């Protein structure tokens, strides 16, 4: 189980670093509410990106993209709605997905999907 946590953390750290390099401010990581979690919440201007990070080892049976189920989307949307209800500033939000492939603790590939899904999915 610790290995899975370390794999996920590597992908989240990598994604957070890329977002910061792109001018985003990472506001929160691993935001949890009852029934939902968001890996990264980042802000750039008047846009909040709610980012789901899927980290996979090379040769995984299920791709990161395939791992974003309808149920997972619903839980992310629920958590984002809660975050937005407590957030002070007037901003828009979108749901992004980051897929990181690793091998031996190193990033092999990275794919980022802005606006990968919306609250109606």
PDB file of N, CA and C in Angstrom:
ATOM      1  N   UNK A   1       0.829  -1.203   0.000  1.00  0.00           N
ATOM      2  CA  UNK A   1       0.000   0.000   0.000  1.00  0.00           C
ATOM      3  C   UNK A   1       0.868   1.260   0.000  1.00  0.00           C
ATOM      4  N   UNK A   2       1.981   1.219   0.735  1.00  0.00           N
ATOM      5  CA  UNK A   2       2.869   2.382   0.774  1.00  0.00           C
ATOM      6  C   UNK A   2       3.422   2.686  -0.615  1.00  0.00           C
ATOM      7  N   UNK A   3       3.684   1.632  -1.401  1.00  0.00           N
ATOM      8  CA  UNK A   3       4.215   1.831  -2.750  1.00  0.00           C
ATOM      9  C   UNK A   3       3.198   2.564  -3.627  1.00  0.00           C
ATOM     10  N   UNK A   4       1.924   2.219  -3.500  1.00  0.00           N
ATOM     11  CA  UNK A   4       0.869   2.893  -4.267  1.00  0.00           C
ATOM     12  C   UNK A   4       0.802   4.364  -3.870  1.00  0.00           C
ATOM     13  N   UNK A   5       0.876   4.636  -2.566  1.00  0.00           N
ATOM     14  CA  UNK A   5       0.846   6.023  -2.080  1.00  0.00           C
ATOM     15  C   UNK A   5       2.039   6.807  -2.634  1.00  0.00           C
ATOM     16  N   UNK A   6       3.219   6.194  -2.633  1.00  0.00           N
ATOM     17  CA  UNK A   6       4.416   6.869  -3.147  1.00  0.00           C
ATOM     18  C   UNK A   6       4.291   7.140  -4.646  1.00  0.00           C
ATOM     19  N   UNK A   7       3.732   6.193  -5.382  1.00  0.00           N
ATOM     20  CA  UNK A   7       3.522   6.369  -6.819  1.00  0.00           C
ATOM     21  C   UNK A   7       2.593   7.552  -7.068  1.00  0.00           C
ATOM     22  N   UNK A   8       1.473   7.584  -6.337  1.00  0.00           N
ATOM     23  CA  UNK A   8       0.523   8.688  -6.481  1.00  0.00           C
ATOM     24  C   UNK A   8       1.126  10.027  -6.116  1.00  0.00           C
ATOM     25  N   UNK A   9       1.912  10.044  -5.039  1.00  0.00           N
ATOM     26  CA  UNK A   9       2.543  11.290  -4.602  1.00  0.00           C
ATOM     27  C   UNK A   9       3.525  11.796  -5.652  1.00  0.00           C
ATOM     28  N   UNK A  10       4.260  10.905  -6.277  1.00  0.00           N
ATOM     29  CA  UNK A  10       5.198  11.303  -7.323  1.00  0.00           C
ATOM     30  C   UNK A  10       4.460  12.004  -8.467  1.00  0.00           C
ATOM     31  N   UNK A  11       3.343  11.427  -8.898  1.00  0.00           N
ATOM     32  CA  UNK A  11       2.554  12.042  -9.968  1.00  0.00           C
ATOM     33  C   UNK A  11       1.964  13.378  -9.560  1.00  0.00           C
ATOM     34  N   UNK A  12       1.489  13.477  -8.319  1.00  0.00           N
ATOM     35  CA  UNK A  12       0.929  14.739  -7.823  1.00  0.00           C
ATOM     36  C   UNK A  12       2.014  15.804  -7.695  1.00  0.00           C
ATOM     37  N   UNK A  13       3.181  15.427  -7.173  1.00  0.00           N
ATOM     38  CA  UNK A  13       4.289  16.384  -7.056  1.00  0.00           C
ATOM     39  C   UNK A  13       4.690  16.903  -8.438  1.00  0.00           C
ATOM     40  N   UNK A  14       4.788  15.993  -9.398  1.00  0.00           N
ATOM     41  CA  UNK A  14       5.173  16.371 -10.756  1.00  0.00           C
ATOM     42  C   UNK A  14       4.145  17.328 -11.365  1.00  0.00           C
ATOM     43  N   UNK A  15       2.880  16.984 -11.222  1.00  0.00           N
ATOM     44  CA  UNK A  15       1.811  17.825 -11.772  1.00  0.00           C
ATOM     45  C   UNK A  15       1.793  19.195 -11.101  1.00  0.00           C
ATOM     46  N   UNK A  16       1.930  19.242  -9.784  1.00  0.00           N
ATOM     47  CA  UNK A  16       1.945  20.523  -9.068  1.00  0.00           C
ATOM     48  C   UNK A  16       3.098  21.389  -9.555  1.00  0.00           C
ATOM     49  N   UNK A  17       4.247  20.783  -9.777  1.00  0.00           N
ATOM     50  CA  UNK A  17       5.412  21.526 -10.264  1.00  0.00           C
ATOM     51  C   UNK A  17       5.162  22.097 -11.660  1.00  0.00           C
ATOM     52  N   UNK A  18       4.578  21.302 -12.540  1.00  0.00           N
ATOM     53  CA  UNK A  18       4.260  21.770 -13.897  1.00  0.00           C
ATOM     54  C   UNK A  18       3.269  22.934 -13.833  1.00  0.00           C
ATOM     55  N   UNK A  19       2.238  22.782 -13.002  1.00  0.00           N
ATOM     56  CA  UNK A  19       1.244  23.854 -12.869  1.00  0.00           C
ATOM     57  C   UNK A  19       1.905  25.147 -12.387  1.00  0.00           C
ATOM     58  N   UNK A  20       2.774  25.043 -11.414  1.00  0.00           N
ATOM     59  CA  UNK A  20       3.467  26.240 -10.919  1.00  0.00           C
ATOM     60  C   UNK A  20       4.327  26.862 -12.018  1.00  0.00           C
ATOM     61  N   UNK A  21       4.999  26.022 -12.796  1.00  0.00           N
ATOM     62  CA  UNK A  21       5.803  26.529 -13.912  1.00  0.00           C
ATOM     63  C   UNK A  21       4.933  27.251 -14.942  1.00  0.00           C
ATOM     64  N   UNK A  22       3.657  26.864 -15.051  1.00  0.00           N
ATOM     65  CA  UNK A  22       2.726  27.483 -15.989  1.00  0.00           C
ATOM     66  C   UNK A  22       2.031  28.706 -15.399  1.00  0.00           C
ATOM     67  N   UNK A  23       2.431  29.111 -14.181  1.00  0.00           N
ATOM     68  CA  UNK A  23       1.884  30.318 -13.575  1.00  0.00           C
ATOM     69  C   UNK A  23       0.709  30.107 -12.647  1.00  0.00           C
ATOM     70  N   UNK A  24       0.381  28.866 -12.337  1.00  0.00           N
ATOM     71  CA  UNK A  24      -0.692  28.581 -11.392  1.00  0.00           C
ATOM     72  C   UNK A  24      -0.172  28.659  -9.962  1.00  0.00           C
ATOM     73  N   UNK A  25      -1.050  29.054  -9.073  1.00  0.00           N
ATOM     74  CA  UNK A  25      -0.774  28.981  -7.645  1.00  0.00           C
ATOM     75  C   UNK A  25      -1.500  27.748  -7.117  1.00  0.00           C
ATOM     76  N   UNK A  26      -0.758  26.818  -6.549  1.00  0.00           N
ATOM     77  CA  UNK A  26      -1.381  25.629  -5.970  1.00  0.00           C
ATOM     78  C   UNK A  26      -1.958  26.031  -4.620  1.00  0.00           C
ATOM     79  N   UNK A  27      -3.277  26.000  -4.521  1.00  0.00           N
ATOM     80  CA  UNK A  27      -3.968  26.414  -3.299  1.00  0.00           C
ATOM     81  C   UNK A  27      -4.089  25.286  -2.292  1.00  0.00           C
ATOM     82  N   UNK A  28      -4.257  24.078  -2.797  1.00  0.00           N
ATOM     83  CA  UNK A  28      -4.564  22.966  -1.908  1.00  0.00           C
ATOM     84  C   UNK A  28      -4.205  21.660  -2.599  1.00  0.00           C
ATOM     85  N   UNK A  29      -3.752  20.713  -1.800  1.00  0.00           N
ATOM     86  CA  UNK A  29      -3.523  19.354  -2.301  1.00  0.00           C
ATOM     87  C   UNK A  29      -4.274  18.380  -1.416  1.00  0.00           C
ATOM     88  N   UNK A  30      -4.836  17.370  -2.036  1.00  0.00           N
ATOM     89  CA  UNK A  30      -5.586  16.329  -1.334  1.00  0.00           C
ATOM     90  C   UNK A  30      -6.709  16.916  -0.483  1.00  0.00           C
ATOM     91  N   UNK A  31      -7.506  17.760  -1.108  1.00  0.00           N
ATOM     92  CA  UNK A  31      -8.677  18.358  -0.447  1.00  0.00           C
ATOM     93  C   UNK A  31      -9.738  17.273  -0.299  1.00  0.00           C
ATOM     94  N   UNK A  32     -10.144  17.035   0.944  1.00  0.00           N
ATOM     95  CA  UNK A  32     -11.107  15.959   1.212  1.00  0.00           C
ATOM     96  C   UNK A  32     -12.350  16.498   1.900  1.00  0.00           C
ATOM     97  N   UNK A  33     -13.474  16.000   1.441  1.00  0.00           N
ATOM     98  CA  UNK A  33     -14.755  16.203   2.113  1.00  0.00           C
ATOM     99  C   UNK A  33     -15.409  14.825   2.168  1.00  0.00           C
ATOM    100  N   UNK A  34     -16.434  14.718   2.967  1.00  0.00           N
ATOM    101  CA  UNK A  34     -17.115  13.433   3.059  1.00  0.00           C
ATOM    102  C   UNK A  34     -17.598  13.013   1.666  1.00  0.00           C
ATOM    103  N   UNK A  35     -17.085  11.905   1.200  1.00  0.00           N
ATOM    104  CA  UNK A  35     -17.521  11.376  -0.085  1.00  0.00           C
ATOM    105  C   UNK A  35     -16.744  11.861  -1.291  1.00  0.00           C
ATOM    106  N   UNK A  36     -15.700  12.661  -1.114  1.00  0.00           N
ATOM    107  CA  UNK A  36     -14.966  13.118  -2.283  1.00  0.00           C
ATOM    108  C   UNK A  36     -13.598  13.674  -1.955  1.00  0.00           C
ATOM    109  N   UNK A  37     -12.739  13.695  -2.966  1.00  0.00           N
ATOM    110  CA  UNK A  37     -11.394  14.236  -2.810  1.00  0.00           C
ATOM    111  C   UNK A  37     -10.940  14.841  -4.130  1.00  0.00           C
ATOM    112  N   UNK A  38     -10.143  15.897  -4.021  1.00  0.00           N
ATOM    113  CA  UNK A  38      -9.527  16.519  -5.187  1.00  0.00           C
ATOM    114  C   UNK A  38      -8.027  16.512  -4.950  1.00  0.00           C
ATOM    115  N   UNK A  39      -7.273  16.015  -5.918  1.00  0.00           N
ATOM    116  CA  UNK A  39      -5.830  15.892  -5.746  1.00  0.00           C
ATOM    117  C   UNK A  39      -5.140  17.248  -5.655  1.00  0.00           C
ATOM    118  N   UNK A  40      -5.466  18.143  -6.586  1.00  0.00           N
ATOM    119  CA  UNK A  40      -4.837  19.471  -6.610  1.00  0.00           C
ATOM    120  C   UNK A  40      -5.893  20.509  -6.963  1.00  0.00           C
ATOM    121  N   UNK A  41      -5.883  21.613  -6.224  1.00  0.00           N
ATOM    122  CA  UNK A  41      -6.691  22.777  -6.591  1.00  0.00           C
ATOM    123  C   UNK A  41      -5.708  23.906  -6.841  1.00  0.00           C
ATOM    124  N   UNK A  42      -5.741  24.451  -8.057  1.00  0.00           N
ATOM    125  CA  UNK A  42      -4.790  25.494  -8.440  1.00  0.00           C
ATOM    126  C   UNK A  42      -5.542  26.661  -9.060  1.00  0.00           C
ATOM    127  N   UNK A  43      -4.952  27.845  -8.887  1.00  0.00           N
ATOM    128  CA  UNK A  43      -5.595  29.046  -9.410  1.00  0.00           C
ATOM    129  C   UNK A  43      -4.642  29.801 -10.327  1.00  0.00           C
ATOM    130  N   UNK A  44      -5.221  30.278 -11.429  1.00  0.00           N
ATOM    131  CA  UNK A  44      -4.515  31.177 -12.340  1.00  0.00           C
ATOM    132  C   UNK A  44      -5.526  32.225 -12.760  1.00  0.00           C
ATOM    133  N   UNK A  45      -5.295  33.459 -12.361  1.00  0.00           N
ATOM    134  CA  UNK A  45      -6.244  34.520 -12.651  1.00  0.00           C
ATOM    135  C   UNK A  45      -7.560  34.251 -11.956  1.00  0.00           C
ATOM    136  N   UNK A  46      -8.643  34.281 -12.718  1.00  0.00           N
ATOM    137  CA  UNK A  46      -9.960  34.052 -12.124  1.00  0.00           C
ATOM    138  C   UNK A  46     -10.469  32.633 -12.400  1.00  0.00           C
ATOM    139  N   UNK A  47      -9.541  31.697 -12.612  1.00  0.00           N
ATOM    140  CA  UNK A  47      -9.899  30.304 -12.893  1.00  0.00           C
ATOM    141  C   UNK A  47      -9.304  29.374 -11.845  1.00  0.00           C
ATOM    142  N   UNK A  48     -10.154  28.517 -11.284  1.00  0.00           N
ATOM    143  CA  UNK A  48      -9.694  27.442 -10.412  1.00  0.00           C
ATOM    144  C   UNK A  48      -9.682  26.157 -11.226  1.00  0.00           C
ATOM    145  N   UNK A  49      -8.581  25.444 -11.148  1.00  0.00           N
ATOM    146  CA  UNK A  49      -8.485  24.136 -11.792  1.00  0.00           C
ATOM    147  C   UNK A  49      -8.560  23.076 -10.701  1.00  0.00           C
ATOM    148  N   UNK A  50      -9.560  22.215 -10.795  1.00  0.00           N
ATOM    149  CA  UNK A  50      -9.701  21.074  -9.904  1.00  0.00           C
ATOM    150  C   UNK A  50      -9.089  19.896 -10.653  1.00  0.00           C
ATOM    151  N   UNK A  51      -7.932  19.446 -10.199  1.00  0.00           N
ATOM    152  CA  UNK A  51      -7.129  18.509 -10.984  1.00  0.00           C
ATOM    153  C   UNK A  51      -7.135  17.115 -10.355  1.00  0.00           C
ATOM    154  N   UNK A  52      -7.558  16.151 -11.135  1.00  0.00           N
ATOM    155  CA  UNK A  52      -7.459  14.743 -10.756  1.00  0.00           C
ATOM    156  C   UNK A  52      -6.186  14.196 -11.390  1.00  0.00           C
ATOM    157  N   UNK A  53      -5.302  13.653 -10.568  1.00  0.00           N
ATOM    158  CA  UNK A  53      -4.032  13.118 -11.047  1.00  0.00           C
ATOM    159  C   UNK A  53      -4.103  11.591 -11.019  1.00  0.00           C
ATOM    160  N   UNK A  54      -3.808  10.981 -12.147  1.00  0.00           N
ATOM    161  CA  UNK A  54      -3.737   9.530 -12.231  1.00  0.00           C
ATOM    162  C   UNK A  54      -2.307   9.159 -12.606  1.00  0.00           C
ATOM    163  N   UNK A  55      -1.646   8.462 -11.699  1.00  0.00           N
ATOM    164  CA  UNK A  55      -0.268   8.047 -11.922  1.00  0.00           C
ATOM    165  C   UNK A  55      -0.255   6.543 -12.156  1.00  0.00           C
ATOM    166  N   UNK A  56       0.403   6.136 -13.195  1.00  0.00           N
ATOM    167  CA  UNK A  56       0.472   4.727 -13.555  1.00  0.00           C
ATOM    168  C   UNK A  56       1.924   4.326 -13.788  1.00  0.00           C
ATOM    169  N   UNK A  57       2.233   3.082 -13.431  1.00  0.00           N
ATOM    170  CA  UNK A  57       3.540   2.553 -13.771  1.00  0.00           C
ATOM    171  C   UNK A  57       3.501   2.070 -15.208  1.00  0.00           C
ATOM    172  N   UNK A  58       4.654   2.043 -15.831  1.00  0.00           N
ATOM    173  CA  UNK A  58       4.738   1.614 -17.233  1.00  0.00           C
ATOM    174  C   UNK A  58       4.133   0.213 -17.369  1.00  0.00           C
ATOM    175  N   UNK A  59       3.260   0.070 -18.354  1.00  0.00           N
ATOM    176  CA  UNK A  59       2.646  -1.221 -18.621  1.00  0.00           C
ATOM    177  C   UNK A  59       1.426  -1.535 -17.776  1.00  0.00           C
ATOM    178  N   UNK A  60       0.877  -0.547 -17.083  1.00  0.00           N
ATOM    179  CA  UNK A  60      -0.315  -0.771 -16.261  1.00  0.00           C
ATOM    180  C   UNK A  60      -1.464  -1.288 -17.137  1.00  0.00           C
ATOM    181  N   UNK A  61      -2.304  -2.117 -16.541  1.00  0.00           N
ATOM    182  CA  UNK A  61      -3.416  -2.712 -17.294  1.00  0.00           C
ATOM    183  C   UNK A  61      -4.488  -1.695 -17.672  1.00  0.00           C
ATOM    184  N   UNK A  62      -4.681  -0.687 -16.806  1.00  0.00           N
ATOM    185  CA  UNK A  62      -5.693   0.343 -17.040  1.00  0.00           C
ATOM    186  C   UNK A  62      -4.986   1.692 -17.144  1.00  0.00           C
ATOM    187  N   UNK A  63      -5.256   2.416 -18.204  1.00  0.00           N
ATOM    188  CA  UNK A  63      -4.631   3.731 -18.371  1.00  0.00           C
ATOM    189  C   UNK A  63      -5.208   4.726 -17.364  1.00  0.00           C
ATOM    190  N   UNK A  64      -4.504   5.799 -17.147  1.00  0.00           N
ATOM    191  CA  UNK A  64      -5.003   6.860 -16.274  1.00  0.00           C
ATOM    192  C   UNK A  64      -6.313   7.431 -16.778  1.00  0.00           C
ATOM    193  N   UNK A  65      -6.407   7.595 -18.080  1.00  0.00           N
ATOM    194  CA  UNK A  65      -7.633   8.125 -18.667  1.00  0.00           C
ATOM    195  C   UNK A  65      -8.824   7.194 -18.402  1.00  0.00           C
ATOM    196  N   UNK A  66      -8.605   5.892 -18.535  1.00  0.00           N
ATOM    197  CA  UNK A  66      -9.677   4.921 -18.311  1.00  0.00           C
ATOM    198  C   UNK A  66     -10.094   4.836 -16.847  1.00  0.00           C
ATOM    199  N   UNK A  67      -9.222   5.262 -15.948  1.00  0.00           N
ATOM    200  CA  UNK A  67      -9.492   5.167 -14.513  1.00  0.00           C
ATOM    201  C   UNK A  67     -10.415   6.279 -14.003  1.00  0.00           C
ATOM    202  N   UNK A  68     -10.729   7.256 -14.845  1.00  0.00           N
ATOM    203  CA  UNK A  68     -11.635   8.341 -14.444  1.00  0.00           C
ATOM    204  C   UNK A  68     -13.062   7.889 -14.756  1.00  0.00           C
ATOM    205  N   UNK A  69     -13.677   7.234 -13.807  1.00  0.00           N
ATOM    206  CA  UNK A  69     -15.027   6.700 -13.991  1.00  0.00           C
ATOM    207  C   UNK A  69     -16.067   7.791 -13.767  1.00  0.00           C
ATOM    208  N   UNK A  70     -17.291   7.505 -14.169  1.00  0.00           N
ATOM    209  CA  UNK A  70     -18.391   8.443 -13.918  1.00  0.00           C
ATOM    210  C   UNK A  70     -18.562   8.679 -12.415  1.00  0.00           C
ATOM    211  N   UNK A  71     -18.439   7.631 -11.628  1.00  0.00           N
ATOM    212  CA  UNK A  71     -18.534   7.781 -10.164  1.00  0.00           C
ATOM    213  C   UNK A  71     -17.433   8.688  -9.631  1.00  0.00           C
ATOM    214  N   UNK A  72     -16.211   8.498 -10.121  1.00  0.00           N
ATOM    215  CA  UNK A  72     -15.084   9.330  -9.685  1.00  0.00           C
ATOM    216  C   UNK A  72     -15.347  10.795 -10.041  1.00  0.00           C
ATOM    217  N   UNK A  73     -15.839  11.041 -11.248  1.00  0.00           N
ATOM    218  CA  UNK A  73     -16.164  12.407 -11.661  1.00  0.00           C
ATOM    219  C   UNK A  73     -17.200  13.020 -10.724  1.00  0.00           C
ATOM    220  N   UNK A  74     -18.236  12.252 -10.389  1.00  0.00           N
ATOM    221  CA  UNK A  74     -19.291  12.744  -9.506  1.00  0.00           C
ATOM    222  C   UNK A  74     -18.716  13.141  -8.140  1.00  0.00           C
ATOM    223  N   UNK A  75     -17.792  12.345  -7.611  1.00  0.00           N
ATOM    224  CA  UNK A  75     -17.198  12.636  -6.305  1.00  0.00           C
ATOM    225  C   UNK A  75     -16.304  13.879  -6.366  1.00  0.00           C
ATOM    226  N   UNK A  76     -15.605  14.051  -7.468  1.00  0.00           N
ATOM    227  CA  UNK A  76     -14.766  15.242  -7.647  1.00  0.00           C
ATOM    228  C   UNK A  76     -15.644  16.485  -7.739  1.00  0.00           C
ATOM    229  N   UNK A  77     -16.718  16.403  -8.508  1.00  0.00           N
ATOM    230  CA  UNK A  77     -17.639  17.538  -8.642  1.00  0.00           C
ATOM    231  C   UNK A  77     -18.222  17.901  -7.279  1.00  0.00           C
ATOM    232  N   UNK A  78     -18.620  16.921  -6.511  1.00  0.00           N
ATOM    233  CA  UNK A  78     -19.171  17.159  -5.177  1.00  0.00           C
ATOM    234  C   UNK A  78     -18.162  17.889  -4.284  1.00  0.00           C
ATOM    235  N   UNK A  79     -16.926  17.434  -4.296  1.00  0.00           N
ATOM    236  CA  UNK A  79     -15.889  18.078  -3.487  1.00  0.00           C
ATOM    237  C   UNK A  79     -15.624  19.506  -3.981  1.00  0.00           C
ATOM    238  N   UNK A  80     -15.619  19.709  -5.298  1.00  0.00           N
ATOM    239  CA  UNK A  80     -15.392  21.047  -5.860  1.00  0.00           C
ATOM    240  C   UNK A  80     -16.516  22.001  -5.480  1.00  0.00           C
ATOM    241  N   UNK A  81     -17.745  21.514  -5.503  1.00  0.00           N
ATOM    242  CA  UNK A  81     -18.874  22.365  -5.108  1.00  0.00           C
ATOM    243  C   UNK A  81     -18.717  22.808  -3.655  1.00  0.00           C
ATOM    244  N   UNK A  82     -18.276  21.907  -2.811  1.00  0.00           N
ATOM    245  CA  UNK A  82     -18.058  22.257  -1.399  1.00  0.00           C
ATOM    246  C   UNK A  82     -16.938  23.293  -1.272  1.00  0.00           C
ATOM    247  N   UNK A  83     -15.850  23.080  -1.990  1.00  0.00           N
ATOM    248  CA  UNK A  83     -14.739  24.029  -1.943  1.00  0.00           C
ATOM    249  C   UNK A  83     -15.202  25.406  -2.401  1.00  0.00           C
ATOM    250  N   UNK A  84     -15.935  25.449  -3.512  1.00  0.00           N
ATOM    251  CA  UNK A  84     -16.399  26.727  -4.063  1.00  0.00           C
ATOM    252  C   UNK A  84     -17.357  27.432  -3.103  1.00  0.00           C
ATOM    253  N   UNK A  85     -18.159  26.673  -2.368  1.00  0.00           N
ATOM    254  CA  UNK A  85     -19.112  27.301  -1.443  1.00  0.00           C
ATOM    255  C   UNK A  85     -18.396  28.003  -0.292  1.00  0.00           C
ATOM    256  N   UNK A  86     -17.185  27.566   0.023  1.00  0.00           N
ATOM    257  CA  UNK A  86     -16.401  28.179   1.103  1.00  0.00           C
ATOM    258  C   UNK A  86     -15.375  29.192   0.588  1.00  0.00           C
ATOM    259  N   UNK A  87     -15.197  29.262  -0.730  1.00  0.00           N
ATOM    260  CA  UNK A  87     -14.152  30.113  -1.305  1.00  0.00           C
ATOM    261  C   UNK A  87     -14.647  31.552  -1.390  1.00  0.00           C
ATOM    262  N   UNK A  88     -13.816  32.470  -0.995  1.00  0.00           N
ATOM    263  CA  UNK A  88     -14.205  33.882  -0.872  1.00  0.00           C
ATOM    264  C   UNK A  88     -14.288  34.624  -2.211  1.00  0.00           C
ATOM    265  N   UNK A  89     -13.381  34.343  -3.121  1.00  0.00           N
ATOM    266  CA  UNK A  89     -13.292  35.116  -4.364  1.00  0.00           C
ATOM    267  C   UNK A  89     -14.290  34.632  -5.416  1.00  0.00           C
ATOM    268  N   UNK A  90     -14.625  35.543  -6.324  1.00  0.00           N
ATOM    269  CA  UNK A  90     -15.494  35.233  -7.460  1.00  0.00           C
ATOM    270  C   UNK A  90     -14.619  34.637  -8.560  1.00  0.00           C
ATOM    271  N   UNK A  91     -14.743  33.350  -8.805  1.00  0.00           N
ATOM    272  CA  UNK A  91     -13.915  32.663  -9.802  1.00  0.00           C
ATOM    273  C   UNK A  91     -14.755  31.629 -10.550  1.00  0.00           C
ATOM    274  N   UNK A  92     -14.225  31.211 -11.686  1.00  0.00           N
ATOM    275  CA  UNK A  92     -14.800  30.099 -12.426  1.00  0.00           C
ATOM    276  C   UNK A  92     -13.992  28.851 -12.092  1.00  0.00           C
ATOM    277  N   UNK A  93     -14.559  27.696 -12.344  1.00  0.00           N
ATOM    278  CA  UNK A  93     -13.842  26.451 -12.093  1.00  0.00           C
ATOM    279  C   UNK A  93     -13.933  25.525 -13.279  1.00  0.00           C
ATOM    280  N   UNK A  94     -12.943  24.668 -13.391  1.00  0.00           N
ATOM    281  CA  UNK A  94     -12.957  23.645 -14.426  1.00  0.00           C
ATOM    282  C   UNK A  94     -12.328  22.373 -13.850  1.00  0.00           C
ATOM    283  N   UNK A  95     -12.595  21.260 -14.520  1.00  0.00           N
ATOM    284  CA  UNK A  95     -12.111  19.959 -14.062  1.00  0.00           C
ATOM    285  C   UNK A  95     -11.070  19.438 -15.045  1.00  0.00           C
ATOM    286  N   UNK A  96      -9.838  19.354 -14.571  1.00  0.00           N
ATOM    287  CA  UNK A  96      -8.721  18.913 -15.394  1.00  0.00           C
ATOM    288  C   UNK A  96      -8.276  17.518 -14.951  1.00  0.00           C
ATOM    289  N   UNK A  97      -7.600  16.827 -15.851  1.00  0.00           N
ATOM    290  CA  UNK A  97      -7.028  15.522 -15.541  1.00  0.00           C
ATOM    291  C   UNK A  97      -5.566  15.522 -15.956  1.00  0.00           C
ATOM    292  N   UNK A  98      -4.730  15.015 -15.059  1.00  0.00           N
ATOM    293  CA  UNK A  98      -3.307  14.842 -15.327  1.00  0.00           C
ATOM    294  C   UNK A  98      -3.001  13.346 -15.271  1.00  0.00           C
ATOM    295  N   UNK A  99      -2.328  12.843 -16.304  1.00  0.00           N
ATOM    296  CA  UNK A  99      -1.936  11.435 -16.330  1.00  0.00           C
ATOM    297  C   UNK A  99      -0.414  11.386 -16.403  1.00  0.00           C
ATOM    298  N   UNK A 100       0.166  10.712 -15.413  1.00  0.00           N
ATOM    299  CA  UNK A 100       1.615  10.618 -15.309  1.00  0.00           C
ATOM    300  C   UNK A 100       1.996   9.144 -15.362  1.00  0.00           C
ATOM    301  N   UNK A 101       2.906   8.803 -16.256  1.00  0.00           N
ATOM    302  CA  UNK A 101       3.417   7.431 -16.330  1.00  0.00           C
ATOM    303  C   UNK A 101       4.834   7.424 -15.784  1.00  0.00           C
ATOM    304  N   UNK A 102       5.107   6.472 -14.887  1.00  0.00           N
ATOM    305  CA  UNK A 102       6.427   6.414 -14.261  1.00  0.00           C
ATOM    306  C   UNK A 102       7.030   5.016 -14.381  1.00  0.00           C
ATOM    307  N   UNK A 103       8.328   4.966 -14.185  1.00  0.00           N
ATOM    308  CA  UNK A 103       9.054   3.702 -14.093  1.00  0.00           C
ATOM    309  C   UNK A 103      10.277   3.947 -13.223  1.00  0.00           C
ATOM    310  N   UNK A 104      10.486   3.095 -12.253  1.00  0.00           N
ATOM    311  CA  UNK A 104      11.631   3.207 -11.338  1.00  0.00           C
ATOM    312  C   UNK A 104      11.757   4.601 -10.721  1.00  0.00           C
ATOM    313  N   UNK A 105      10.618   5.182 -10.344  1.00  0.00           N
ATOM    314  CA  UNK A 105      10.626   6.473  -9.669  1.00  0.00           C
ATOM    315  C   UNK A 105      10.870   7.665 -10.569  1.00  0.00           C
ATOM    316  N   UNK A 106      10.847   7.462 -11.883  1.00  0.00           N
ATOM    317  CA  UNK A 106      11.083   8.564 -12.823  1.00  0.00           C
ATOM    318  C   UNK A 106       9.890   8.709 -13.758  1.00  0.00           C
ATOM    319  N   UNK A 107       9.599   9.948 -14.105  1.00  0.00           N
ATOM    320  CA  UNK A 107       8.485  10.238 -14.998  1.00  0.00           C
ATOM    321  C   UNK A 107       8.895   9.918 -16.438  1.00  0.00           C
ATOM    322  N   UNK A 108       8.084   9.064 -17.077  1.00  0.00           N
ATOM    323  CA  UNK A 108       8.307   8.716 -18.479  1.00  0.00           C
ATOM    324  C   UNK A 108       7.471   9.576 -19.410  1.00  0.00           C
ATOM    325  N   UNK A 109       6.215   9.821 -19.015  1.00  0.00           N
ATOM    326  CA  UNK A 109       5.348  10.644 -19.849  1.00  0.00           C
ATOM    327  C   UNK A 109       4.336  11.373 -18.979  1.00  0.00           C
ATOM    328  N   UNK A 110       3.816  12.451 -19.558  1.00  0.00           N
ATOM    329  CA  UNK A 110       2.877  13.317 -18.849  1.00  0.00           C
ATOM    330  C   UNK A 110       1.871  13.834 -19.866  1.00  0.00           C
ATOM    331  N   UNK A 111       0.600  13.678 -19.536  1.00  0.00           N
ATOM    332  CA  UNK A 111      -0.462  14.211 -20.382  1.00  0.00           C
ATOM    333  C   UNK A 111      -1.397  15.030 -19.496  1.00  0.00           C
ATOM    334  N   UNK A 112      -1.791  16.189 -19.984  1.00  0.00           N
ATOM    335  CA  UNK A 112      -2.662  17.078 -19.208  1.00  0.00           C
ATOM    336  C   UNK A 112      -3.864  17.449 -20.053  1.00  0.00           C
ATOM    337  N   UNK A 113      -5.053  17.271 -19.467  1.00  0.00           N
ATOM    338  CA  UNK A 113      -6.297  17.527 -20.174  1.00  0.00           C
ATOM    339  C   UNK A 113      -7.077  18.629 -19.455  1.00  0.00           C
ATOM    340  N   UNK A 114      -6.942  19.889 -19.893  1.00  0.00           N
ATOM    341  CA  UNK A 114      -7.759  20.938 -19.301  1.00  0.00           C
ATOM    342  C   UNK A 114      -9.228  20.736 -19.689  1.00  0.00           C
ATOM    343  N   UNK A 115     -10.102  21.053 -18.773  1.00  0.00           N
ATOM    344  CA  UNK A 115     -11.553  20.903 -19.012  1.00  0.00           C
ATOM    345  C   UNK A 115     -11.894  19.494 -19.515  1.00  0.00           C
ATOM    346  N   UNK A 116     -11.352  18.493 -18.853  1.00  0.00           N
ATOM    347  CA  UNK A 116     -11.526  17.100 -19.263  1.00  0.00           C
ATOM    348  C   UNK A 116     -12.973  16.628 -19.126  1.00  0.00           C
ATOM    349  N   UNK A 117     -13.680  17.197 -18.155  1.00  0.00           N
ATOM    350  CA  UNK A 117     -15.095  16.899 -17.984  1.00  0.00           C
ATOM    351  C   UNK A 117     -15.735  18.082 -17.290  1.00  0.00           C
ATOM    352  N   UNK A 118     -17.067  18.055 -17.201  1.00  0.00           N
ATOM    353  CA  UNK A 118     -17.751  19.152 -16.516  1.00  0.00           C
ATOM    354  C   UNK A 118     -18.726  18.591 -15.493  1.00  0.00           C
ATOM    355  N   UNK A 119     -19.374  19.470 -14.786  1.00  0.00           N
ATOM    356  CA  UNK A 119     -20.249  19.066 -13.676  1.00  0.00           C
ATOM    357  C   UNK A 119     -21.482  18.319 -14.150  1.00  0.00           C
ATOM    358  N   UNK A 120     -21.790  18.368 -15.434  1.00  0.00           N
ATOM    359  CA  UNK A 120     -22.984  17.678 -15.930  1.00  0.00           C
ATOM    360  C   UNK A 120     -22.717  16.211 -16.259  1.00  0.00           C
ATOM    361  N   UNK A 121     -21.443  15.807 -16.285  1.00  0.00           N
ATOM    362  CA  UNK A 121     -21.113  14.403 -16.632  1.00  0.00           C
ATOM    363  C   UNK A 121     -21.491  13.465 -15.523  1.00  0.00           C
TER     364      UNK A 121
END
